[in-house]
Amino acid sequence: MKYIERLQLETKGVTLTPDELSIYLAEEGVTNPESEYDASLTGDKRKIYSAALSILNSVANNPLLMKSYKEDDISVTDFADSLQNRIDQLERKIRSMSINDSESQSNTFMLFNR
């Protein structure tokens, strides 16, 4: 699976062109969105989740999408709340991932350095 395909899986329902997806991936450090995605690498997962978070933040910046919709018998009233919940969920997932991509499996970092 390629990076761009994995990002499309993470952001189903959000319609973006491959060029737009490539821009979001490039902002996260993926230079070639057509290269193979490795799910075993924490860094690759972080890049996908961070790109998805950026996409959802872009959607949240569109005020036209934040209103209630009613069509026939269907109404969508909690879009903004659901979107914000998903953004919060992705932020928590990214924060809980290991910062260090090395093999040491350590979740610590140096706060002060002499």
PDB file of N, CA and C in Angstrom:
ATOM      1  N   MET A   1       0.846  -1.174   0.000  1.00  0.00           N
ATOM      2  CA  MET A   1       0.000   0.000   0.000  1.00  0.00           C
ATOM      3  C   MET A   1       0.891   1.238   0.000  1.00  0.00           C
ATOM      4  N   LYS A   2       0.478   2.218  -0.745  1.00  0.00           N
ATOM      5  CA  LYS A   2       1.241   3.462  -0.841  1.00  0.00           C
ATOM      6  C   LYS A   2       0.761   4.462   0.216  1.00  0.00           C
ATOM      7  N   TYR A   3       1.607   5.453   0.507  1.00  0.00           N
ATOM      8  CA  TYR A   3       1.267   6.483   1.490  1.00  0.00           C
ATOM      9  C   TYR A   3      -0.064   7.154   1.152  1.00  0.00           C
ATOM     10  N   ILE A   4      -0.233   7.505  -0.110  1.00  0.00           N
ATOM     11  CA  ILE A   4      -1.426   8.242  -0.510  1.00  0.00           C
ATOM     12  C   ILE A   4      -2.681   7.388  -0.329  1.00  0.00           C
ATOM     13  N   GLU A   5      -2.574   6.087  -0.584  1.00  0.00           N
ATOM     14  CA  GLU A   5      -3.706   5.177  -0.387  1.00  0.00           C
ATOM     15  C   GLU A   5      -4.034   5.047   1.097  1.00  0.00           C
ATOM     16  N   ARG A   6      -3.008   4.983   1.931  1.00  0.00           N
ATOM     17  CA  ARG A   6      -3.234   4.864   3.376  1.00  0.00           C
ATOM     18  C   ARG A   6      -3.884   6.133   3.928  1.00  0.00           C
ATOM     19  N   LEU A   7      -3.482   7.287   3.417  1.00  0.00           N
ATOM     20  CA  LEU A   7      -4.094   8.536   3.850  1.00  0.00           C
ATOM     21  C   LEU A   7      -5.561   8.606   3.414  1.00  0.00           C
ATOM     22  N   GLN A   8      -5.868   8.094   2.240  1.00  0.00           N
ATOM     23  CA  GLN A   8      -7.256   8.051   1.784  1.00  0.00           C
ATOM     24  C   GLN A   8      -8.097   7.147   2.680  1.00  0.00           C
ATOM     25  N   LEU A   9      -7.509   6.053   3.160  1.00  0.00           N
ATOM     26  CA  LEU A   9      -8.220   5.184   4.095  1.00  0.00           C
ATOM     27  C   LEU A   9      -8.518   5.911   5.403  1.00  0.00           C
ATOM     28  N   GLU A  10      -7.577   6.701   5.863  1.00  0.00           N
ATOM     29  CA  GLU A  10      -7.732   7.395   7.135  1.00  0.00           C
ATOM     30  C   GLU A  10      -8.733   8.546   7.039  1.00  0.00           C
ATOM     31  N   THR A  11      -8.929   9.086   5.847  1.00  0.00           N
ATOM     32  CA  THR A  11      -9.811  10.251   5.680  1.00  0.00           C
ATOM     33  C   THR A  11     -10.968   9.937   4.740  1.00  0.00           C
ATOM     34  N   LYS A  12     -11.566   8.780   4.885  1.00  0.00           N
ATOM     35  CA  LYS A  12     -12.716   8.422   4.037  1.00  0.00           C
ATOM     36  C   LYS A  12     -13.821   9.440   4.209  1.00  0.00           C
ATOM     37  N   GLY A  13     -14.453   9.785   3.112  1.00  0.00           N
ATOM     38  CA  GLY A  13     -15.535  10.753   3.153  1.00  0.00           C
ATOM     39  C   GLY A  13     -15.076  12.171   2.870  1.00  0.00           C
ATOM     40  N   VAL A  14     -13.784  12.422   2.951  1.00  0.00           N
ATOM     41  CA  VAL A  14     -13.230  13.735   2.615  1.00  0.00           C
ATOM     42  C   VAL A  14     -12.660  13.613   1.213  1.00  0.00           C
ATOM     43  N   THR A  15     -13.229  14.358   0.282  1.00  0.00           N
ATOM     44  CA  THR A  15     -12.829  14.244  -1.118  1.00  0.00           C
ATOM     45  C   THR A  15     -11.743  15.263  -1.436  1.00  0.00           C
ATOM     46  N   LEU A  16     -10.556  14.757  -1.690  1.00  0.00           N
ATOM     47  CA  LEU A  16      -9.422  15.598  -2.089  1.00  0.00           C
ATOM     48  C   LEU A  16      -8.758  14.971  -3.299  1.00  0.00           C
ATOM     49  N   THR A  17      -8.141  15.803  -4.122  1.00  0.00           N
ATOM     50  CA  THR A  17      -7.413  15.293  -5.277  1.00  0.00           C
ATOM     51  C   THR A  17      -6.097  14.670  -4.814  1.00  0.00           C
ATOM     52  N   PRO A  18      -5.504  13.802  -5.626  1.00  0.00           N
ATOM     53  CA  PRO A  18      -4.198  13.243  -5.263  1.00  0.00           C
ATOM     54  C   PRO A  18      -3.128  14.315  -5.049  1.00  0.00           C
ATOM     55  N   ASP A  19      -3.211  15.421  -5.798  1.00  0.00           N
ATOM     56  CA  ASP A  19      -2.243  16.506  -5.608  1.00  0.00           C
ATOM     57  C   ASP A  19      -2.403  17.155  -4.239  1.00  0.00           C
ATOM     58  N   GLU A  20      -3.656  17.338  -3.806  1.00  0.00           N
ATOM     59  CA  GLU A  20      -3.898  17.918  -2.491  1.00  0.00           C
ATOM     60  C   GLU A  20      -3.421  16.978  -1.388  1.00  0.00           C
ATOM     61  N   LEU A  21      -3.684  15.692  -1.544  1.00  0.00           N
ATOM     62  CA  LEU A  21      -3.203  14.714  -0.568  1.00  0.00           C
ATOM     63  C   LEU A  21      -1.681  14.711  -0.506  1.00  0.00           C
ATOM     64  N   SER A  22      -1.051  14.842  -1.659  1.00  0.00           N
ATOM     65  CA  SER A  22       0.417  14.878  -1.724  1.00  0.00           C
ATOM     66  C   SER A  22       0.978  16.070  -0.970  1.00  0.00           C
ATOM     67  N   ILE A  23       0.281  17.191  -1.024  1.00  0.00           N
ATOM     68  CA  ILE A  23       0.738  18.386  -0.303  1.00  0.00           C
ATOM     69  C   ILE A  23       0.685  18.144   1.197  1.00  0.00           C
ATOM     70  N   TYR A  24      -0.418  17.564   1.675  1.00  0.00           N
ATOM     71  CA  TYR A  24      -0.521  17.270   3.108  1.00  0.00           C
ATOM     72  C   TYR A  24       0.567  16.286   3.539  1.00  0.00           C
ATOM     73  N   LEU A  25       0.848  15.285   2.711  1.00  0.00           N
ATOM     74  CA  LEU A  25       1.900  14.323   3.040  1.00  0.00           C
ATOM     75  C   LEU A  25       3.278  14.981   3.016  1.00  0.00           C
ATOM     76  N   ALA A  26       3.508  15.875   2.050  1.00  0.00           N
ATOM     77  CA  ALA A  26       4.802  16.572   1.962  1.00  0.00           C
ATOM     78  C   ALA A  26       5.039  17.434   3.193  1.00  0.00           C
ATOM     79  N   GLU A  27       3.970  18.032   3.713  1.00  0.00           N
ATOM     80  CA  GLU A  27       4.115  18.840   4.929  1.00  0.00           C
ATOM     81  C   GLU A  27       4.517  18.003   6.129  1.00  0.00           C
ATOM     82  N   GLU A  28       4.253  16.706   6.072  1.00  0.00           N
ATOM     83  CA  GLU A  28       4.632  15.801   7.161  1.00  0.00           C
ATOM     84  C   GLU A  28       5.944  15.076   6.883  1.00  0.00           C
ATOM     85  N   GLY A  29       6.617  15.413   5.788  1.00  0.00           N
ATOM     86  CA  GLY A  29       7.928  14.846   5.511  1.00  0.00           C
ATOM     87  C   GLY A  29       7.932  13.663   4.569  1.00  0.00           C
ATOM     88  N   VAL A  30       6.808  13.357   3.935  1.00  0.00           N
ATOM     89  CA  VAL A  30       6.760  12.271   2.956  1.00  0.00           C
ATOM     90  C   VAL A  30       7.069  12.881   1.598  1.00  0.00           C
ATOM     91  N   THR A  31       8.267  12.626   1.095  1.00  0.00           N
ATOM     92  CA  THR A  31       8.692  13.241  -0.154  1.00  0.00           C
ATOM     93  C   THR A  31       8.081  12.572  -1.378  1.00  0.00           C
ATOM     94  N   ASN A  32       7.800  11.274  -1.290  1.00  0.00           N
ATOM     95  CA  ASN A  32       7.204  10.551  -2.404  1.00  0.00           C
ATOM     96  C   ASN A  32       5.942   9.830  -1.934  1.00  0.00           C
ATOM     97  N   PRO A  33       4.762  10.397  -2.186  1.00  0.00           N
ATOM     98  CA  PRO A  33       3.526   9.771  -1.709  1.00  0.00           C
ATOM     99  C   PRO A  33       3.210   8.449  -2.392  1.00  0.00           C
ATOM    100  N   GLU A  34       3.903   8.148  -3.493  1.00  0.00           N
ATOM    101  CA  GLU A  34       3.681   6.883  -4.191  1.00  0.00           C
ATOM    102  C   GLU A  34       4.588   5.768  -3.674  1.00  0.00           C
ATOM    103  N   SER A  35       5.448   6.085  -2.695  1.00  0.00           N
ATOM    104  CA  SER A  35       6.314   5.045  -2.135  1.00  0.00           C
ATOM    105  C   SER A  35       5.504   4.173  -1.181  1.00  0.00           C
ATOM    106  N   GLU A  36       6.068   3.033  -0.838  1.00  0.00           N
ATOM    107  CA  GLU A  36       5.378   2.061  -0.004  1.00  0.00           C
ATOM    108  C   GLU A  36       5.302   2.513   1.448  1.00  0.00           C
ATOM    109  N   TYR A  37       4.131   2.371   2.027  1.00  0.00           N
ATOM    110  CA  TYR A  37       3.886   2.683   3.425  1.00  0.00           C
ATOM    111  C   TYR A  37       4.211   1.452   4.261  1.00  0.00           C
ATOM    112  N   ASP A  38       4.973   1.647   5.338  1.00  0.00           N
ATOM    113  CA  ASP A  38       5.337   0.542   6.224  1.00  0.00           C
ATOM    114  C   ASP A  38       4.624   0.729   7.563  1.00  0.00           C
ATOM    115  N   ALA A  39       3.592  -0.064   7.792  1.00  0.00           N
ATOM    116  CA  ALA A  39       2.773   0.078   9.000  1.00  0.00           C
ATOM    117  C   ALA A  39       3.526  -0.293  10.263  1.00  0.00           C
ATOM    118  N   SER A  40       4.637  -0.988  10.137  1.00  0.00           N
ATOM    119  CA  SER A  40       5.392  -1.386  11.322  1.00  0.00           C
ATOM    120  C   SER A  40       6.255  -0.261  11.875  1.00  0.00           C
ATOM    121  N   LEU A  41       6.445   0.795  11.104  1.00  0.00           N
ATOM    122  CA  LEU A  41       7.257   1.923  11.556  1.00  0.00           C
ATOM    123  C   LEU A  41       6.385   2.990  12.211  1.00  0.00           C
ATOM    124  N   THR A  42       6.706   3.335  13.437  1.00  0.00           N
ATOM    125  CA  THR A  42       5.944   4.341  14.173  1.00  0.00           C
ATOM    126  C   THR A  42       5.996   5.690  13.468  1.00  0.00           C
ATOM    127  N   GLY A  43       7.121   6.016  12.887  1.00  0.00           N
ATOM    128  CA  GLY A  43       7.267   7.291  12.182  1.00  0.00           C
ATOM    129  C   GLY A  43       6.317   7.409  10.999  1.00  0.00           C
ATOM    130  N   ASP A  44       6.124   6.302  10.277  1.00  0.00           N
ATOM    131  CA  ASP A  44       5.201   6.315   9.144  1.00  0.00           C
ATOM    132  C   ASP A  44       3.757   6.487   9.617  1.00  0.00           C
ATOM    133  N   LYS A  45       3.409   5.812  10.699  1.00  0.00           N
ATOM    134  CA  LYS A  45       2.050   5.958  11.248  1.00  0.00           C
ATOM    135  C   LYS A  45       1.818   7.391  11.693  1.00  0.00           C
ATOM    136  N   ARG A  46       2.813   7.957  12.368  1.00  0.00           N
ATOM    137  CA  ARG A  46       2.696   9.341  12.848  1.00  0.00           C
ATOM    138  C   ARG A  46       2.492  10.293  11.671  1.00  0.00           C
ATOM    139  N   LYS A  47       3.206  10.085  10.578  1.00  0.00           N
ATOM    140  CA  LYS A  47       3.059  10.951   9.407  1.00  0.00           C
ATOM    141  C   LYS A  47       1.649  10.869   8.831  1.00  0.00           C
ATOM    142  N   ILE A  48       1.099   9.669   8.754  1.00  0.00           N
ATOM    143  CA  ILE A  48      -0.253   9.492   8.218  1.00  0.00           C
ATOM    144  C   ILE A  48      -1.268  10.164   9.135  1.00  0.00           C
ATOM    145  N   TYR A  49      -1.165   9.898  10.434  1.00  0.00           N
ATOM    146  CA  TYR A  49      -2.115  10.487  11.382  1.00  0.00           C
ATOM    147  C   TYR A  49      -1.999  12.011  11.411  1.00  0.00           C
ATOM    148  N   SER A  50      -0.781  12.528  11.321  1.00  0.00           N
ATOM    149  CA  SER A  50      -0.588  13.980  11.321  1.00  0.00           C
ATOM    150  C   SER A  50      -1.162  14.611  10.052  1.00  0.00           C
ATOM    151  N   ALA A  51      -0.983  13.948   8.916  1.00  0.00           N
ATOM    152  CA  ALA A  51      -1.556  14.455   7.670  1.00  0.00           C
ATOM    153  C   ALA A  51      -3.081  14.413   7.731  1.00  0.00           C
ATOM    154  N   ALA A  52      -3.645  13.342   8.283  1.00  0.00           N
ATOM    155  CA  ALA A  52      -5.099  13.244   8.436  1.00  0.00           C
ATOM    156  C   ALA A  52      -5.613  14.335   9.365  1.00  0.00           C
ATOM    157  N   LEU A  53      -4.875  14.603  10.430  1.00  0.00           N
ATOM    158  CA  LEU A  53      -5.255  15.665  11.363  1.00  0.00           C
ATOM    159  C   LEU A  53      -5.253  17.021  10.656  1.00  0.00           C
ATOM    160  N   SER A  54      -4.270  17.269   9.825  1.00  0.00           N
ATOM    161  CA  SER A  54      -4.215  18.528   9.070  1.00  0.00           C
ATOM    162  C   SER A  54      -5.402  18.653   8.128  1.00  0.00           C
ATOM    163  N   ILE A  55      -5.767  17.548   7.492  1.00  0.00           N
ATOM    164  CA  ILE A  55      -6.917  17.555   6.585  1.00  0.00           C
ATOM    165  C   ILE A  55      -8.194  17.872   7.359  1.00  0.00           C
ATOM    166  N   LEU A  56      -8.383  17.221   8.497  1.00  0.00           N
ATOM    167  CA  LEU A  56      -9.591  17.463   9.290  1.00  0.00           C
ATOM    168  C   LEU A  56      -9.629  18.888   9.833  1.00  0.00           C
ATOM    169  N   ASN A  57      -8.473  19.437  10.192  1.00  0.00           N
ATOM    170  CA  ASN A  57      -8.432  20.836  10.628  1.00  0.00           C
ATOM    171  C   ASN A  57      -8.800  21.776   9.486  1.00  0.00           C
ATOM    172  N   SER A  58      -8.409  21.433   8.266  1.00  0.00           N
ATOM    173  CA  SER A  58      -8.787  22.234   7.105  1.00  0.00           C
ATOM    174  C   SER A  58     -10.296  22.185   6.877  1.00  0.00           C
ATOM    175  N   VAL A  59     -10.870  20.996   7.045  1.00  0.00           N
ATOM    176  CA  VAL A  59     -12.324  20.860   6.900  1.00  0.00           C
ATOM    177  C   VAL A  59     -13.028  21.670   7.987  1.00  0.00           C
ATOM    178  N   ALA A  60     -12.479  21.644   9.188  1.00  0.00           N
ATOM    179  CA  ALA A  60     -13.088  22.372  10.301  1.00  0.00           C
ATOM    180  C   ALA A  60     -13.008  23.887  10.106  1.00  0.00           C
ATOM    181  N   ASN A  61     -12.101  24.352   9.275  1.00  0.00           N
ATOM    182  CA  ASN A  61     -11.972  25.783   9.013  1.00  0.00           C
ATOM    183  C   ASN A  61     -12.974  26.292   7.978  1.00  0.00           C
ATOM    184  N   ASN A  62     -13.803  25.401   7.454  1.00  0.00           N
ATOM    185  CA  ASN A  62     -14.798  25.787   6.463  1.00  0.00           C
ATOM    186  C   ASN A  62     -16.138  26.031   7.163  1.00  0.00           C
ATOM    187  N   PRO A  63     -16.528  27.282   7.374  1.00  0.00           N
ATOM    188  CA  PRO A  63     -17.755  27.567   8.132  1.00  0.00           C
ATOM    189  C   PRO A  63     -19.026  27.084   7.447  1.00  0.00           C
ATOM    190  N   LEU A  64     -19.005  26.912   6.137  1.00  0.00           N
ATOM    191  CA  LEU A  64     -20.202  26.438   5.435  1.00  0.00           C
ATOM    192  C   LEU A  64     -20.567  25.003   5.821  1.00  0.00           C
ATOM    193  N   LEU A  65     -19.582  24.231   6.256  1.00  0.00           N
ATOM    194  CA  LEU A  65     -19.841  22.841   6.637  1.00  0.00           C
ATOM    195  C   LEU A  65     -20.345  22.711   8.070  1.00  0.00           C
ATOM    196  N   MET A  66     -20.298  23.772   8.843  1.00  0.00           N
ATOM    197  CA  MET A  66     -20.622  23.689  10.263  1.00  0.00           C
ATOM    198  C   MET A  66     -22.098  23.953  10.569  1.00  0.00           C
ATOM    199  N   LYS A  67     -22.934  24.031   9.551  1.00  0.00           N
ATOM    200  CA  LYS A  67     -24.356  24.260   9.797  1.00  0.00           C
ATOM    201  C   LYS A  67     -25.109  22.939   9.798  1.00  0.00           C
ATOM    202  N   SER A  68     -26.338  22.983  10.239  1.00  0.00           N
ATOM    203  CA  SER A  68     -27.178  21.791  10.268  1.00  0.00           C
ATOM    204  C   SER A  68     -27.828  21.595   8.902  1.00  0.00           C
ATOM    205  N   TYR A  69     -27.928  20.356   8.491  1.00  0.00           N
ATOM    206  CA  TYR A  69     -28.536  20.024   7.210  1.00  0.00           C
ATOM    207  C   TYR A  69     -29.771  19.177   7.433  1.00  0.00           C
ATOM    208  N   LYS A  70     -30.805  19.411   6.634  1.00  0.00           N
ATOM    209  CA  LYS A  70     -31.993  18.576   6.679  1.00  0.00           C
ATOM    210  C   LYS A  70     -32.464  18.371   5.252  1.00  0.00           C
ATOM    211  N   GLU A  71     -32.525  17.114   4.866  1.00  0.00           N
ATOM    212  CA  GLU A  71     -32.965  16.772   3.522  1.00  0.00           C
ATOM    213  C   GLU A  71     -33.921  15.602   3.629  1.00  0.00           C
ATOM    214  N   ASP A  72     -35.145  15.793   3.194  1.00  0.00           N
ATOM    215  CA  ASP A  72     -36.195  14.783   3.303  1.00  0.00           C
ATOM    216  C   ASP A  72     -36.341  14.357   4.764  1.00  0.00           C
ATOM    217  N   ASP A  73     -36.046  13.112   5.057  1.00  0.00           N
ATOM    218  CA  ASP A  73     -36.179  12.613   6.432  1.00  0.00           C
ATOM    219  C   ASP A  73     -34.840  12.519   7.154  1.00  0.00           C
ATOM    220  N   ILE A  74     -33.781  12.985   6.529  1.00  0.00           N
ATOM    221  CA  ILE A  74     -32.443  12.857   7.099  1.00  0.00           C
ATOM    222  C   ILE A  74     -31.972  14.228   7.568  1.00  0.00           C
ATOM    223  N   SER A  75     -31.409  14.278   8.767  1.00  0.00           N
ATOM    224  CA  SER A  75     -30.825  15.534   9.245  1.00  0.00           C
ATOM    225  C   SER A  75     -29.435  15.263   9.812  1.00  0.00           C
ATOM    226  N   VAL A  76     -28.540  16.182   9.536  1.00  0.00           N
ATOM    227  CA  VAL A  76     -27.186  16.112  10.064  1.00  0.00           C
ATOM    228  C   VAL A  76     -26.998  17.369  10.911  1.00  0.00           C
ATOM    229  N   THR A  77     -27.002  17.193  12.220  1.00  0.00           N
ATOM    230  CA  THR A  77     -26.938  18.358  13.085  1.00  0.00           C
ATOM    231  C   THR A  77     -25.655  18.435  13.901  1.00  0.00           C
ATOM    232  N   ASP A  78     -24.971  17.343  14.053  1.00  0.00           N
ATOM    233  CA  ASP A  78     -23.812  17.321  14.934  1.00  0.00           C
ATOM    234  C   ASP A  78     -22.501  17.159  14.176  1.00  0.00           C
ATOM    235  N   PHE A  79     -22.436  17.670  12.966  1.00  0.00           N
ATOM    236  CA  PHE A  79     -21.224  17.497  12.173  1.00  0.00           C
ATOM    237  C   PHE A  79     -20.019  18.140  12.849  1.00  0.00           C
ATOM    238  N   ALA A  80     -20.197  19.369  13.326  1.00  0.00           N
ATOM    239  CA  ALA A  80     -19.074  20.078  13.956  1.00  0.00           C
ATOM    240  C   ALA A  80     -18.596  19.343  15.202  1.00  0.00           C
ATOM    241  N   ASP A  81     -19.526  18.846  16.012  1.00  0.00           N
ATOM    242  CA  ASP A  81     -19.143  18.116  17.223  1.00  0.00           C
ATOM    243  C   ASP A  81     -18.428  16.812  16.877  1.00  0.00           C
ATOM    244  N   SER A  82     -18.940  16.099  15.889  1.00  0.00           N
ATOM    245  CA  SER A  82     -18.316  14.836  15.485  1.00  0.00           C
ATOM    246  C   SER A  82     -16.926  15.070  14.915  1.00  0.00           C
ATOM    247  N   LEU A  83     -16.790  16.114  14.122  1.00  0.00           N
ATOM    248  CA  LEU A  83     -15.491  16.451  13.548  1.00  0.00           C
ATOM    249  C   LEU A  83     -14.487  16.805  14.642  1.00  0.00           C
ATOM    250  N   GLN A  84     -14.917  17.596  15.605  1.00  0.00           N
ATOM    251  CA  GLN A  84     -14.024  17.975  16.696  1.00  0.00           C
ATOM    252  C   GLN A  84     -13.636  16.765  17.540  1.00  0.00           C
ATOM    253  N   ASN A  85     -14.572  15.854  17.745  1.00  0.00           N
ATOM    254  CA  ASN A  85     -14.254  14.626  18.478  1.00  0.00           C
ATOM    255  C   ASN A  85     -13.206  13.802  17.748  1.00  0.00           C
ATOM    256  N   ARG A  86     -13.311  13.713  16.430  1.00  0.00           N
ATOM    257  CA  ARG A  86     -12.326  12.959  15.649  1.00  0.00           C
ATOM    258  C   ARG A  86     -10.966  13.652  15.686  1.00  0.00           C
ATOM    259  N   ILE A  87     -10.949  14.973  15.619  1.00  0.00           N
ATOM    260  CA  ILE A  87      -9.693  15.719  15.712  1.00  0.00           C
ATOM    261  C   ILE A  87      -9.032  15.461  17.066  1.00  0.00           C
ATOM    262  N   ASP A  88      -9.815  15.532  18.136  1.00  0.00           N
ATOM    263  CA  ASP A  88      -9.278  15.266  19.477  1.00  0.00           C
ATOM    264  C   ASP A  88      -8.746  13.842  19.589  1.00  0.00           C
ATOM    265  N   GLN A  89      -9.460  12.896  18.996  1.00  0.00           N
ATOM    266  CA  GLN A  89      -9.035  11.491  19.032  1.00  0.00           C
ATOM    267  C   GLN A  89      -7.697  11.319  18.315  1.00  0.00           C
ATOM    268  N   LEU A  90      -7.541  11.936  17.148  1.00  0.00           N
ATOM    269  CA  LEU A  90      -6.278  11.837  16.417  1.00  0.00           C
ATOM    270  C   LEU A  90      -5.140  12.511  17.180  1.00  0.00           C
ATOM    271  N   GLU A  91      -5.410  13.652  17.803  1.00  0.00           N
ATOM    272  CA  GLU A  91      -4.370  14.335  18.581  1.00  0.00           C
ATOM    273  C   GLU A  91      -3.903  13.455  19.736  1.00  0.00           C
ATOM    274  N   ARG A  92      -4.834  12.812  20.427  1.00  0.00           N
ATOM    275  CA  ARG A  92      -4.451  11.913  21.529  1.00  0.00           C
ATOM    276  C   ARG A  92      -3.642  10.724  21.011  1.00  0.00           C
ATOM    277  N   LYS A  93      -4.035  10.185  19.872  1.00  0.00           N
ATOM    278  CA  LYS A  93      -3.330   9.035  19.303  1.00  0.00           C
ATOM    279  C   LYS A  93      -1.903   9.419  18.932  1.00  0.00           C
ATOM    280  N   ILE A  94      -1.727  10.591  18.339  1.00  0.00           N
ATOM    281  CA  ILE A  94      -0.394  11.049  17.945  1.00  0.00           C
ATOM    282  C   ILE A  94       0.471  11.295  19.174  1.00  0.00           C
ATOM    283  N   ARG A  95      -0.098  11.923  20.203  1.00  0.00           N
ATOM    284  CA  ARG A  95       0.668  12.182  21.428  1.00  0.00           C
ATOM    285  C   ARG A  95       1.069  10.900  22.140  1.00  0.00           C
ATOM    286  N   SER A  96       0.249   9.867  22.046  1.00  0.00           N
ATOM    287  CA  SER A  96       0.555   8.622  22.752  1.00  0.00           C
ATOM    288  C   SER A  96       1.574   7.756  22.013  1.00  0.00           C
ATOM    289  N   MET A  97       1.837   8.084  20.753  1.00  0.00           N
ATOM    290  CA  MET A  97       2.820   7.315  19.987  1.00  0.00           C
ATOM    291  C   MET A  97       4.223   7.676  20.436  1.00  0.00           C
ATOM    292  N   SER A  98       5.117   6.755  20.254  1.00  0.00           N
ATOM    293  CA  SER A  98       6.508   6.976  20.629  1.00  0.00           C
ATOM    294  C   SER A  98       7.090   8.126  19.810  1.00  0.00           C
ATOM    295  N   ILE A  99       7.785   9.011  20.495  1.00  0.00           N
ATOM    296  CA  ILE A  99       8.420  10.143  19.817  1.00  0.00           C
ATOM    297  C   ILE A  99       9.690   9.689  19.118  1.00  0.00           C
ATOM    298  N   ASN A 100      10.371   8.770  19.724  1.00  0.00           N
ATOM    299  CA  ASN A 100      11.659   8.310  19.246  1.00  0.00           C
ATOM    300  C   ASN A 100      11.461   7.163  18.257  1.00  0.00           C
ATOM    301  N   ASP A 101      11.993   7.286  17.048  1.00  0.00           N
ATOM    302  CA  ASP A 101      11.854   6.245  16.040  1.00  0.00           C
ATOM    303  C   ASP A 101      12.926   5.170  16.138  1.00  0.00           C
ATOM    304  N   SER A 102      13.772   5.263  17.120  1.00  0.00           N
ATOM    305  CA  SER A 102      14.841   4.285  17.242  1.00  0.00           C
ATOM    306  C   SER A 102      14.306   2.987  17.830  1.00  0.00           C
ATOM    307  N   GLU A 103      15.163   2.001  17.939  1.00  0.00           N
ATOM    308  CA  GLU A 103      14.778   0.686  18.430  1.00  0.00           C
ATOM    309  C   GLU A 103      14.709   0.614  19.946  1.00  0.00           C
ATOM    310  N   SER A 104      15.024   1.688  20.645  1.00  0.00           N
ATOM    311  CA  SER A 104      15.132   1.617  22.098  1.00  0.00           C
ATOM    312  C   SER A 104      13.782   1.527  22.804  1.00  0.00           C
ATOM    313  N   GLN A 105      12.688   1.809  22.124  1.00  0.00           N
ATOM    314  CA  GLN A 105      11.344   1.724  22.685  1.00  0.00           C
ATOM    315  C   GLN A 105      11.160   2.612  23.909  1.00  0.00           C
ATOM    316  N   SER A 106      11.921   3.657  24.030  1.00  0.00           N
ATOM    317  CA  SER A 106      11.826   4.551  25.165  1.00  0.00           C
ATOM    318  C   SER A 106      10.873   5.698  24.838  1.00  0.00           C
ATOM    319  N   ASN A 107       9.997   6.031  25.755  1.00  0.00           N
ATOM    320  CA  ASN A 107       9.077   7.135  25.556  1.00  0.00           C
ATOM    321  C   ASN A 107       9.511   8.373  26.324  1.00  0.00           C
ATOM    322  N   THR A 108      10.781   8.445  26.682  1.00  0.00           N
ATOM    323  CA  THR A 108      11.291   9.597  27.413  1.00  0.00           C
ATOM    324  C   THR A 108      12.070  10.506  26.488  1.00  0.00           C
ATOM    325  N   PHE A 109      12.223  11.743  26.891  1.00  0.00           N
ATOM    326  CA  PHE A 109      13.040  12.676  26.151  1.00  0.00           C
ATOM    327  C   PHE A 109      13.742  13.584  27.148  1.00  0.00           C
ATOM    328  N   MET A 110      14.790  14.251  26.698  1.00  0.00           N
ATOM    329  CA  MET A 110      15.546  15.126  27.586  1.00  0.00           C
ATOM    330  C   MET A 110      14.874  16.492  27.633  1.00  0.00           C
ATOM    331  N   LEU A 111      14.450  16.864  28.804  1.00  0.00           N
ATOM    332  CA  LEU A 111      13.811  18.161  28.969  1.00  0.00           C
ATOM    333  C   LEU A 111      14.862  19.236  29.185  1.00  0.00           C
ATOM    334  N   PHE A 112      15.864  18.914  29.989  1.00  0.00           N
ATOM    335  CA  PHE A 112      16.935  19.872  30.263  1.00  0.00           C
ATOM    336  C   PHE A 112      18.250  19.275  29.798  1.00  0.00           C
ATOM    337  N   ASN A 113      19.065  20.097  29.232  1.00  0.00           N
ATOM    338  CA  ASN A 113      20.371  19.650  28.750  1.00  0.00           C
ATOM    339  C   ASN A 113      21.414  20.638  29.272  1.00  0.00           C
ATOM    340  N   ARG A 114      22.491  20.106  29.783  1.00  0.00           N
ATOM    341  CA  ARG A 114      23.526  20.981  30.325  1.00  0.00           C
ATOM    342  C   ARG A 114      24.458  21.445  29.251  1.00  0.00           C
TER     343      ARG A 114
END
